Protein backbone atom coordinates (compact mmCIF):
# COMPACT_ATOMS: atom_id res chain seq x y z
CA UNK A 1 87.69 -12.15 -68.79
CA UNK A 2 91.29 -11.61 -69.99
CA UNK A 3 92.79 -8.14 -69.91
CA UNK A 4 95.99 -7.37 -71.77
CA UNK A 5 98.03 -4.35 -70.81
CA UNK A 6 101.02 -2.93 -72.52
CA UNK A 7 103.39 -0.24 -71.32
CA UNK A 8 103.95 2.33 -74.01
CA UNK A 9 106.84 4.79 -74.09
CA UNK A 10 106.58 7.69 -76.50
CA UNK A 11 109.81 8.93 -78.01
CA UNK A 12 109.57 12.06 -80.08
CA UNK A 13 112.01 12.35 -82.96
CA UNK A 14 112.66 15.15 -85.37
CA UNK A 15 112.45 14.54 -89.07
CA UNK A 16 115.33 15.64 -91.26
CA UNK A 17 115.99 15.43 -94.98
CA UNK A 18 119.28 13.99 -96.16
CA UNK A 19 120.83 13.90 -99.59
CA UNK A 20 122.98 11.13 -101.01
CA UNK A 21 123.93 9.67 -104.36
CA UNK A 22 121.33 7.40 -105.91
CA UNK A 23 123.68 4.40 -105.80
CA UNK A 24 124.28 4.89 -102.08
CA UNK A 25 120.57 5.12 -101.35
CA UNK A 26 119.89 1.98 -103.38
CA UNK A 27 122.59 0.06 -101.50
CA UNK A 28 121.29 1.37 -98.20
CA UNK A 29 117.79 0.17 -99.05
CA UNK A 30 119.16 -3.27 -99.93
CA UNK A 31 121.06 -3.43 -96.63
CA UNK A 32 117.97 -2.40 -94.72
CA UNK A 33 115.90 -5.05 -96.47
CA UNK A 34 118.52 -7.73 -95.71
CA UNK A 35 118.48 -6.75 -92.04
CA UNK A 36 114.69 -6.51 -92.04
CA UNK A 37 114.72 -2.90 -90.81
CA UNK A 38 113.92 0.47 -92.32
CA UNK A 39 116.43 2.87 -93.81
CA UNK A 40 115.51 5.24 -90.96
CA UNK A 41 116.43 2.57 -88.42
CA UNK A 42 119.79 2.00 -90.11
CA UNK A 43 120.43 5.74 -90.02
CA UNK A 44 119.43 5.99 -86.35
CA UNK A 45 121.79 3.14 -85.46
CA UNK A 46 124.63 4.72 -87.40
CA UNK A 47 123.97 8.18 -85.89
CA UNK A 48 123.88 6.78 -82.34
CA UNK A 49 127.12 4.88 -82.87
CA UNK A 50 128.77 7.92 -84.43
CA UNK A 51 127.76 10.26 -81.61
CA UNK A 52 128.82 7.73 -78.96
CA UNK A 53 132.20 7.26 -80.65
CA UNK A 54 132.77 11.02 -80.92
CA UNK A 55 131.86 11.52 -77.24
CA UNK A 56 134.26 8.75 -76.24
CA UNK A 57 137.05 10.27 -78.35
CA UNK A 58 136.43 13.71 -76.80
CA UNK A 59 136.38 12.21 -73.30
CA UNK A 60 139.68 10.41 -73.96
CA UNK A 61 141.21 13.62 -75.37
CA UNK A 62 140.21 15.57 -72.27
CA UNK A 63 141.48 12.83 -69.99
CA UNK A 64 144.87 12.80 -71.74
CA UNK A 65 145.06 16.60 -71.47
CA UNK A 66 144.29 16.35 -67.77
CA UNK A 67 146.95 13.68 -67.33
CA UNK A 68 149.51 15.85 -69.13
CA UNK A 69 148.61 18.75 -66.84
CA UNK A 70 149.08 16.61 -63.75
CA UNK A 71 152.44 15.37 -65.04
CA UNK A 72 153.64 18.98 -65.22
CA UNK A 73 152.81 19.52 -61.56
CA UNK A 74 155.35 17.93 -59.30
CA UNK A 75 154.23 17.04 -55.81
CA UNK A 76 157.58 15.59 -54.88
CA UNK A 77 160.92 17.20 -54.50
CA UNK A 78 164.42 15.83 -54.68
CA UNK A 79 165.04 17.22 -51.23
CA UNK A 80 163.63 15.34 -48.25
CA UNK A 81 162.06 17.67 -45.73
CA UNK A 82 162.25 17.06 -42.01
CA UNK A 83 159.11 16.60 -39.97
CA UNK A 84 159.56 20.03 -38.45
CA UNK A 85 159.94 21.68 -41.84
CA UNK A 86 156.81 20.00 -43.14
CA UNK A 87 154.81 21.15 -40.11
CA UNK A 88 156.01 24.75 -40.15
CA UNK A 89 153.26 27.30 -40.61
């Protein structure tokens, strides 16, 4: 007796309705057919790439802002302090 098992992961997705020009939809369908995928799959790929890119851009923007903030704070001074001065409380 042979038993086949398959692990199944359910991913719930919301349905949305999009509008586009007829020519764009026709070209999108042709692209999907050439790639042997559905128009929905093409959209999902594009949406995932877009969101990832936007998150990366936002992360880089925040990192640059943080770096600019740190550059404004100076932890060094032109004057060299003595050991006693540094240990004063």
